[in-house]
Amino acid sequence: MRRARVLAGAAAVTALTAAALVGAGTGTAGAATYDGQDPTASGCASNTDTVASAPIYRTDGTQVGTMELRYSVPCGTVWARVVSYYSTGYAYVHRSSDGASERCGNALTWSSSLNAYSCYTPMLNDWNTMSYAYGANYTIAGWSQVAATASY
């Protein structure tokens, strides 16, 4: 009877170890491998949420776009997207824990699905840390005010 309990315990430890090894590709280590990668090409953009956003205003108070912080649950990553009524602008995503950032912009690309110009940054690992997005766009009247999202 004692031998059966020892063998059952050893089998349970082996199963838990195997499960941990199978899951090793996810979480912090898995998300870190996505740093700097394209969210669409990696497949991370297929399951995403906009977790924070901020309007972009011209200096006269007219809204000219939106800054978004996008988050992929399965990949544990974030990226910034600027959606603009004008074709020139930029976006940054910034990770607070180490100051890492990624950028997109200058000439924005027309998106018929958004009915606006946009760009999105490469991704950053966001497991167990906070990140935010910021950026602006260039209008006929000059640069808009910089918009920043809340941290997530």
Foldseek 3Di string as FASTA:
>chain_A
DVVVVVVVVVVVVVVVVVVCVVCVCFFQNVLQVQVQHDCVVVVQVVAKDFPWKWFWAAPVGHTFWMKTWMARPRNQKIKIKIWGQDQFKKKKKAWPVPGDIWMDTGGFDQDPVSNTTMDMTRIHHNHPTKMKMKMWGADPVGIIDIIIIDID
